[in-house]
Amino acid sequence: MDLSLIAQKIVLSFTTATFSIGAFFSFVVAPTLFKTLGKEQAGKIVEKTLPLYFALCLGLDALSLLAVFKANVGFILILILILTITLNAVQLYVIIPESREKKRTDYQGFLKLHKISVTLNVAVILLNLTAVLYLIFKPF
């Protein structure tokens, strides 16, 4: 089997996983927690889970980026993956620590960071969906 084809399947698998995990966590798990447990309990669970979620997405996209260089799929996919990796790293290493601090000292500041975080998260989900669709429909 062609190494390029194997790499394409790896990239497709990892970007699909990242998209699926992001969509499921953001649009099913988190809303269900807040509806079921209430704001305070759900917030504690989500606060503990977010670093794992962003680290997982960051790792999957980083592995995709490594494989994309052997996949021969085009420059646009490299740009998408660099962007998703950057956005997940910003979430994990900048926004989460800052949010924890703001939540204790400046709740309005926390709410602003939360809006930024949600926007970046949706952007990553959409970028990963774009990568998946690109890989599915691009003729190689």
N, C-alpha and C. Protein backbone atom coordinates (compact mmCIF):
# COMPACT_ATOMS: atom_id res chain seq x y z
N MET A 1 0.84 -1.18 0.00
CA MET A 1 0.00 0.00 0.00
C MET A 1 0.89 1.25 0.00
N ASP A 2 0.43 2.24 -0.69
CA ASP A 2 1.14 3.51 -0.83
C ASP A 2 1.22 4.24 0.52
N LEU A 3 2.42 4.70 0.90
CA LEU A 3 2.61 5.43 2.16
C LEU A 3 1.76 6.70 2.20
N SER A 4 1.61 7.36 1.08
CA SER A 4 0.80 8.57 1.01
C SER A 4 -0.67 8.26 1.34
N LEU A 5 -1.17 7.15 0.84
CA LEU A 5 -2.56 6.76 1.11
C LEU A 5 -2.76 6.42 2.59
N ILE A 6 -1.80 5.74 3.18
CA ILE A 6 -1.87 5.43 4.61
C ILE A 6 -1.88 6.73 5.42
N ALA A 7 -1.01 7.66 5.07
CA ALA A 7 -0.94 8.94 5.77
C ALA A 7 -2.25 9.71 5.62
N GLN A 8 -2.85 9.68 4.43
CA GLN A 8 -4.14 10.35 4.22
C GLN A 8 -5.21 9.76 5.14
N LYS A 9 -5.23 8.44 5.27
CA LYS A 9 -6.22 7.79 6.14
C LYS A 9 -5.98 8.14 7.61
N ILE A 10 -4.72 8.25 7.99
CA ILE A 10 -4.39 8.65 9.37
C ILE A 10 -4.88 10.08 9.62
N VAL A 11 -4.59 10.98 8.70
CA VAL A 11 -5.02 12.37 8.85
C VAL A 11 -6.54 12.43 8.91
N LEU A 12 -7.21 11.72 8.02
CA LEU A 12 -8.68 11.70 8.02
C LEU A 12 -9.21 11.15 9.34
N SER A 13 -8.61 10.09 9.84
CA SER A 13 -9.06 9.50 11.11
C SER A 13 -8.90 10.47 12.27
N PHE A 14 -7.73 11.09 12.37
CA PHE A 14 -7.47 11.99 13.49
C PHE A 14 -8.30 13.26 13.41
N THR A 15 -8.45 13.84 12.22
CA THR A 15 -9.26 15.06 12.12
C THR A 15 -10.74 14.74 12.36
N THR A 16 -11.18 13.57 11.93
CA THR A 16 -12.56 13.16 12.21
C THR A 16 -12.76 12.97 13.71
N ALA A 17 -11.79 12.35 14.36
CA ALA A 17 -11.88 12.16 15.81
C ALA A 17 -11.92 13.50 16.54
N THR A 18 -11.06 14.42 16.14
CA THR A 18 -11.03 15.73 16.79
C THR A 18 -12.35 16.47 16.59
N PHE A 19 -12.86 16.44 15.37
CA PHE A 19 -14.16 17.08 15.09
C PHE A 19 -15.26 16.42 15.94
N SER A 20 -15.30 15.11 15.96
CA SER A 20 -16.36 14.39 16.66
C SER A 20 -16.31 14.63 18.17
N ILE A 21 -15.12 14.56 18.73
CA ILE A 21 -14.95 14.80 20.17
C ILE A 21 -15.38 16.23 20.51
N GLY A 22 -14.94 17.19 19.70
CA GLY A 22 -15.30 18.58 19.94
C GLY A 22 -16.79 18.83 19.86
N ALA A 23 -17.41 18.31 18.82
CA ALA A 23 -18.85 18.51 18.65
C ALA A 23 -19.63 17.82 19.78
N PHE A 24 -19.24 16.60 20.12
CA PHE A 24 -19.95 15.86 21.16
C PHE A 24 -19.80 16.53 22.52
N PHE A 25 -18.59 16.90 22.88
CA PHE A 25 -18.38 17.55 24.17
C PHE A 25 -19.10 18.89 24.24
N SER A 26 -18.98 19.69 23.18
CA SER A 26 -19.50 21.06 23.20
C SER A 26 -21.01 21.15 23.06
N PHE A 27 -21.59 20.25 22.27
CA PHE A 27 -23.01 20.38 21.96
C PHE A 27 -23.89 19.32 22.62
N VAL A 28 -23.27 18.32 23.27
CA VAL A 28 -24.05 17.29 23.95
C VAL A 28 -23.67 17.22 25.43
N VAL A 29 -22.41 16.93 25.72
CA VAL A 29 -21.99 16.68 27.10
C VAL A 29 -22.14 17.92 27.98
N ALA A 30 -21.51 19.03 27.59
CA ALA A 30 -21.55 20.24 28.44
C ALA A 30 -22.99 20.74 28.66
N PRO A 31 -23.80 20.89 27.60
CA PRO A 31 -25.18 21.34 27.85
C PRO A 31 -25.98 20.38 28.73
N THR A 32 -25.76 19.07 28.56
CA THR A 32 -26.47 18.09 29.37
C THR A 32 -26.06 18.20 30.84
N LEU A 33 -24.78 18.41 31.08
CA LEU A 33 -24.32 18.59 32.46
C LEU A 33 -24.99 19.79 33.11
N PHE A 34 -25.04 20.91 32.38
CA PHE A 34 -25.61 22.12 32.95
C PHE A 34 -27.12 22.00 33.16
N LYS A 35 -27.80 21.26 32.30
CA LYS A 35 -29.25 21.06 32.48
C LYS A 35 -29.54 20.08 33.60
N THR A 36 -28.68 19.09 33.78
CA THR A 36 -28.93 18.03 34.74
C THR A 36 -28.45 18.37 36.15
N LEU A 37 -27.26 18.93 36.26
CA LEU A 37 -26.64 19.12 37.56
C LEU A 37 -26.78 20.54 38.12
N GLY A 38 -27.05 21.48 37.30
CA GLY A 38 -27.05 22.86 37.76
C GLY A 38 -25.72 23.52 37.49
N LYS A 39 -25.74 24.82 37.57
CA LYS A 39 -24.59 25.64 37.16
C LYS A 39 -23.32 25.35 37.96
N GLU A 40 -23.42 25.29 39.27
CA GLU A 40 -22.22 25.15 40.10
C GLU A 40 -21.56 23.78 39.94
N GLN A 41 -22.34 22.70 40.05
CA GLN A 41 -21.76 21.36 39.93
C GLN A 41 -21.25 21.10 38.51
N ALA A 42 -22.04 21.46 37.52
CA ALA A 42 -21.63 21.26 36.13
C ALA A 42 -20.37 22.07 35.83
N GLY A 43 -20.33 23.29 36.35
CA GLY A 43 -19.15 24.13 36.14
C GLY A 43 -17.89 23.50 36.69
N LYS A 44 -17.99 22.86 37.84
CA LYS A 44 -16.83 22.18 38.43
C LYS A 44 -16.36 21.02 37.55
N ILE A 45 -17.31 20.27 37.02
CA ILE A 45 -16.95 19.12 36.16
C ILE A 45 -16.33 19.61 34.86
N VAL A 46 -16.95 20.60 34.25
CA VAL A 46 -16.43 21.13 32.98
C VAL A 46 -15.06 21.75 33.20
N GLU A 47 -14.88 22.45 34.31
CA GLU A 47 -13.58 23.06 34.61
C GLU A 47 -12.47 22.01 34.72
N LYS A 48 -12.79 20.86 35.27
CA LYS A 48 -11.81 19.77 35.40
C LYS A 48 -11.59 19.06 34.06
N THR A 49 -12.62 19.02 33.23
CA THR A 49 -12.58 18.27 31.98
C THR A 49 -11.94 19.06 30.83
N LEU A 50 -12.11 20.38 30.82
CA LEU A 50 -11.62 21.19 29.70
C LEU A 50 -10.12 21.03 29.41
N PRO A 51 -9.25 21.01 30.40
CA PRO A 51 -7.84 20.82 30.06
C PRO A 51 -7.58 19.49 29.34
N LEU A 52 -8.27 18.44 29.76
CA LEU A 52 -8.13 17.15 29.09
C LEU A 52 -8.65 17.22 27.67
N TYR A 53 -9.78 17.86 27.50
CA TYR A 53 -10.40 18.01 26.18
C TYR A 53 -9.48 18.78 25.23
N PHE A 54 -8.98 19.92 25.67
CA PHE A 54 -8.11 20.72 24.79
C PHE A 54 -6.78 20.01 24.53
N ALA A 55 -6.25 19.32 25.53
CA ALA A 55 -5.00 18.57 25.33
C ALA A 55 -5.20 17.43 24.33
N LEU A 56 -6.32 16.74 24.42
CA LEU A 56 -6.62 15.66 23.49
C LEU A 56 -6.75 16.19 22.06
N CYS A 57 -7.50 17.27 21.90
CA CYS A 57 -7.67 17.87 20.57
C CYS A 57 -6.33 18.39 20.03
N LEU A 58 -5.55 18.99 20.89
CA LEU A 58 -4.23 19.48 20.50
C LEU A 58 -3.35 18.31 20.04
N GLY A 59 -3.35 17.24 20.79
CA GLY A 59 -2.55 16.08 20.44
C GLY A 59 -2.98 15.42 19.14
N LEU A 60 -4.28 15.25 18.95
CA LEU A 60 -4.77 14.64 17.71
C LEU A 60 -4.44 15.49 16.50
N ASP A 61 -4.60 16.80 16.63
CA ASP A 61 -4.27 17.68 15.50
C ASP A 61 -2.77 17.72 15.25
N ALA A 62 -1.97 17.62 16.31
CA ALA A 62 -0.51 17.58 16.12
C ALA A 62 -0.10 16.30 15.40
N LEU A 63 -0.71 15.18 15.76
CA LEU A 63 -0.43 13.93 15.05
C LEU A 63 -0.88 14.01 13.59
N SER A 64 -2.00 14.66 13.37
CA SER A 64 -2.48 14.87 11.99
C SER A 64 -1.47 15.69 11.20
N LEU A 65 -0.94 16.72 11.84
CA LEU A 65 0.03 17.57 11.15
C LEU A 65 1.29 16.78 10.79
N LEU A 66 1.72 15.92 11.68
CA LEU A 66 2.89 15.08 11.38
C LEU A 66 2.63 14.17 10.19
N ALA A 67 1.43 13.59 10.16
CA ALA A 67 1.09 12.67 9.07
C ALA A 67 0.82 13.40 7.76
N VAL A 68 0.36 14.64 7.84
CA VAL A 68 -0.04 15.35 6.62
C VAL A 68 1.15 15.59 5.69
N PHE A 69 2.34 15.64 6.24
CA PHE A 69 3.51 15.87 5.39
C PHE A 69 3.81 14.67 4.49
N LYS A 70 3.36 13.49 4.88
CA LYS A 70 3.50 12.29 4.04
C LYS A 70 2.24 12.03 3.21
N ALA A 71 1.17 12.75 3.51
CA ALA A 71 -0.12 12.46 2.87
C ALA A 71 -0.28 13.09 1.50
N ASN A 72 0.53 14.08 1.17
CA ASN A 72 0.44 14.72 -0.14
C ASN A 72 -0.98 15.22 -0.42
N VAL A 73 -1.51 16.03 0.51
CA VAL A 73 -2.90 16.48 0.37
C VAL A 73 -3.04 17.98 0.17
N GLY A 74 -1.97 18.70 0.15
CA GLY A 74 -2.06 20.12 -0.13
C GLY A 74 -1.76 21.01 1.05
N PHE A 75 -1.42 22.23 0.70
CA PHE A 75 -0.98 23.23 1.68
C PHE A 75 -2.12 23.71 2.57
N ILE A 76 -3.35 23.73 2.05
CA ILE A 76 -4.48 24.24 2.83
C ILE A 76 -4.69 23.43 4.11
N LEU A 77 -4.49 22.13 4.02
CA LEU A 77 -4.67 21.28 5.20
C LEU A 77 -3.59 21.55 6.25
N ILE A 78 -2.39 21.83 5.80
CA ILE A 78 -1.31 22.20 6.73
C ILE A 78 -1.69 23.48 7.48
N LEU A 79 -2.21 24.45 6.75
CA LEU A 79 -2.62 25.72 7.39
C LEU A 79 -3.75 25.50 8.39
N ILE A 80 -4.73 24.69 8.02
CA ILE A 80 -5.85 24.40 8.92
C ILE A 80 -5.33 23.76 10.21
N LEU A 81 -4.45 22.80 10.07
CA LEU A 81 -3.94 22.10 11.26
C LEU A 81 -3.06 22.99 12.13
N ILE A 82 -2.25 23.83 11.51
CA ILE A 82 -1.45 24.78 12.30
C ILE A 82 -2.37 25.72 13.07
N LEU A 83 -3.44 26.15 12.44
CA LEU A 83 -4.39 27.04 13.11
C LEU A 83 -5.11 26.33 14.26
N THR A 84 -5.58 25.10 14.04
CA THR A 84 -6.28 24.40 15.12
C THR A 84 -5.34 24.09 16.29
N ILE A 85 -4.10 23.73 15.97
CA ILE A 85 -3.11 23.47 17.03
C ILE A 85 -2.87 24.74 17.84
N THR A 86 -2.72 25.85 17.14
CA THR A 86 -2.49 27.14 17.81
C THR A 86 -3.67 27.51 18.70
N LEU A 87 -4.87 27.39 18.17
CA LEU A 87 -6.07 27.76 18.95
C LEU A 87 -6.25 26.86 20.17
N ASN A 88 -6.01 25.56 20.01
CA ASN A 88 -6.11 24.66 21.16
C ASN A 88 -5.03 24.95 22.20
N ALA A 89 -3.83 25.28 21.74
CA ALA A 89 -2.75 25.63 22.67
C ALA A 89 -3.09 26.92 23.43
N VAL A 90 -3.65 27.89 22.75
CA VAL A 90 -4.07 29.14 23.41
C VAL A 90 -5.12 28.82 24.47
N GLN A 91 -6.07 27.96 24.12
CA GLN A 91 -7.10 27.59 25.10
C GLN A 91 -6.47 26.92 26.33
N LEU A 92 -5.60 25.95 26.06
CA LEU A 92 -5.02 25.14 27.13
C LEU A 92 -4.05 25.91 28.01
N TYR A 93 -3.18 26.72 27.40
CA TYR A 93 -2.09 27.34 28.14
C TYR A 93 -2.30 28.81 28.50
N VAL A 94 -3.29 29.46 27.89
CA VAL A 94 -3.53 30.87 28.18
C VAL A 94 -4.92 31.07 28.79
N ILE A 95 -5.95 30.67 28.06
CA ILE A 95 -7.31 30.99 28.49
C ILE A 95 -7.73 30.22 29.74
N ILE A 96 -7.46 28.94 29.80
CA ILE A 96 -7.87 28.17 30.99
C ILE A 96 -7.21 28.70 32.27
N PRO A 97 -5.90 28.88 32.30
CA PRO A 97 -5.32 29.42 33.54
C PRO A 97 -5.85 30.81 33.88
N GLU A 98 -5.98 31.66 32.87
CA GLU A 98 -6.49 33.02 33.11
C GLU A 98 -7.94 32.97 33.58
N SER A 99 -8.74 32.07 33.01
CA SER A 99 -10.14 31.94 33.41
C SER A 99 -10.29 31.52 34.86
N ARG A 100 -9.44 30.60 35.28
CA ARG A 100 -9.50 30.15 36.68
C ARG A 100 -9.24 31.32 37.63
N GLU A 101 -8.27 32.13 37.29
CA GLU A 101 -7.96 33.29 38.13
C GLU A 101 -9.10 34.31 38.10
N LYS A 102 -9.59 34.60 36.90
CA LYS A 102 -10.65 35.61 36.76
C LYS A 102 -11.94 35.16 37.45
N LYS A 103 -12.22 33.87 37.43
CA LYS A 103 -13.45 33.37 38.05
C LYS A 103 -13.49 33.70 39.54
N ARG A 104 -12.32 33.71 40.17
CA ARG A 104 -12.24 34.02 41.60
C ARG A 104 -12.20 35.51 41.90
N THR A 105 -11.61 36.28 40.98
CA THR A 105 -11.35 37.69 41.29
C THR A 105 -12.15 38.69 40.47
N ASP A 106 -12.57 38.30 39.26
CA ASP A 106 -13.23 39.24 38.35
C ASP A 106 -14.21 38.46 37.48
N TYR A 107 -15.43 38.27 37.98
CA TYR A 107 -16.38 37.42 37.28
C TYR A 107 -16.75 37.96 35.90
N GLN A 108 -16.83 39.28 35.75
CA GLN A 108 -17.12 39.86 34.43
C GLN A 108 -15.98 39.56 33.45
N GLY A 109 -14.76 39.63 33.94
CA GLY A 109 -13.61 39.26 33.12
C GLY A 109 -13.65 37.79 32.73
N PHE A 110 -14.08 36.95 33.68
CA PHE A 110 -14.25 35.53 33.39
C PHE A 110 -15.27 35.32 32.28
N LEU A 111 -16.39 36.02 32.35
CA LEU A 111 -17.42 35.87 31.32
C LEU A 111 -16.92 36.28 29.94
N LYS A 112 -16.10 37.31 29.88
CA LYS A 112 -15.50 37.73 28.60
C LYS A 112 -14.57 36.63 28.07
N LEU A 113 -13.73 36.08 28.95
CA LEU A 113 -12.85 34.99 28.52
C LEU A 113 -13.65 33.77 28.10
N HIS A 114 -14.75 33.52 28.77
CA HIS A 114 -15.61 32.39 28.41
C HIS A 114 -16.16 32.56 26.99
N LYS A 115 -16.59 33.77 26.66
CA LYS A 115 -17.08 34.03 25.30
C LYS A 115 -15.97 33.83 24.27
N ILE A 116 -14.78 34.29 24.58
CA ILE A 116 -13.65 34.09 23.67
C ILE A 116 -13.36 32.59 23.53
N SER A 117 -13.38 31.87 24.63
CA SER A 117 -13.12 30.43 24.62
C SER A 117 -14.15 29.68 23.78
N VAL A 118 -15.41 30.02 23.95
CA VAL A 118 -16.47 29.36 23.17
C VAL A 118 -16.28 29.65 21.68
N THR A 119 -15.96 30.89 21.35
CA THR A 119 -15.73 31.27 19.95
C THR A 119 -14.56 30.49 19.35
N LEU A 120 -13.46 30.42 20.08
CA LEU A 120 -12.30 29.67 19.59
C LEU A 120 -12.61 28.18 19.46
N ASN A 121 -13.36 27.65 20.41
CA ASN A 121 -13.72 26.24 20.37
C ASN A 121 -14.59 25.92 19.15
N VAL A 122 -15.57 26.76 18.88
CA VAL A 122 -16.42 26.56 17.70
C VAL A 122 -15.59 26.68 16.43
N ALA A 123 -14.65 27.62 16.41
CA ALA A 123 -13.77 27.78 15.25
C ALA A 123 -12.95 26.51 15.02
N VAL A 124 -12.41 25.92 16.09
CA VAL A 124 -11.63 24.68 15.95
C VAL A 124 -12.51 23.55 15.43
N ILE A 125 -13.72 23.44 15.95
CA ILE A 125 -14.64 22.40 15.49
C ILE A 125 -14.92 22.58 14.00
N LEU A 126 -15.21 23.81 13.59
CA LEU A 126 -15.50 24.07 12.17
C LEU A 126 -14.28 23.86 11.29
N LEU A 127 -13.11 24.23 11.77
CA LEU A 127 -11.88 23.99 11.01
C LEU A 127 -11.61 22.50 10.84
N ASN A 128 -11.85 21.73 11.88
CA ASN A 128 -11.68 20.28 11.76
C ASN A 128 -12.72 19.68 10.82
N LEU A 129 -13.93 20.18 10.86
CA LEU A 129 -14.94 19.73 9.90
C LEU A 129 -14.50 20.06 8.48
N THR A 130 -13.96 21.25 8.29
CA THR A 130 -13.45 21.65 6.97
C THR A 130 -12.34 20.70 6.52
N ALA A 131 -11.46 20.34 7.42
CA ALA A 131 -10.37 19.41 7.09
C ALA A 131 -10.93 18.05 6.68
N VAL A 132 -11.91 17.57 7.42
CA VAL A 132 -12.53 16.28 7.11
C VAL A 132 -13.18 16.32 5.73
N LEU A 133 -13.96 17.35 5.48
CA LEU A 133 -14.64 17.47 4.17
C LEU A 133 -13.64 17.62 3.05
N TYR A 134 -12.59 18.37 3.29
CA TYR A 134 -11.53 18.55 2.30
C TYR A 134 -10.90 17.20 1.95
N LEU A 135 -10.62 16.41 2.96
CA LEU A 135 -10.02 15.09 2.73
C LEU A 135 -10.98 14.13 2.03
N ILE A 136 -12.24 14.23 2.34
CA ILE A 136 -13.22 13.34 1.72
C ILE A 136 -13.44 13.68 0.25
N PHE A 137 -13.55 14.96 -0.05
CA PHE A 137 -13.96 15.37 -1.40
C PHE A 137 -12.84 15.81 -2.32
N LYS A 138 -11.64 15.99 -1.79
CA LYS A 138 -10.52 16.41 -2.66
C LYS A 138 -10.02 15.19 -3.44
N PRO A 139 -9.98 15.30 -4.74
CA PRO A 139 -9.41 14.19 -5.52
C PRO A 139 -7.89 14.18 -5.37
N PHE A 140 -7.34 13.03 -5.08
CA PHE A 140 -5.89 12.91 -4.86
C PHE A 140 -5.23 12.30 -6.07
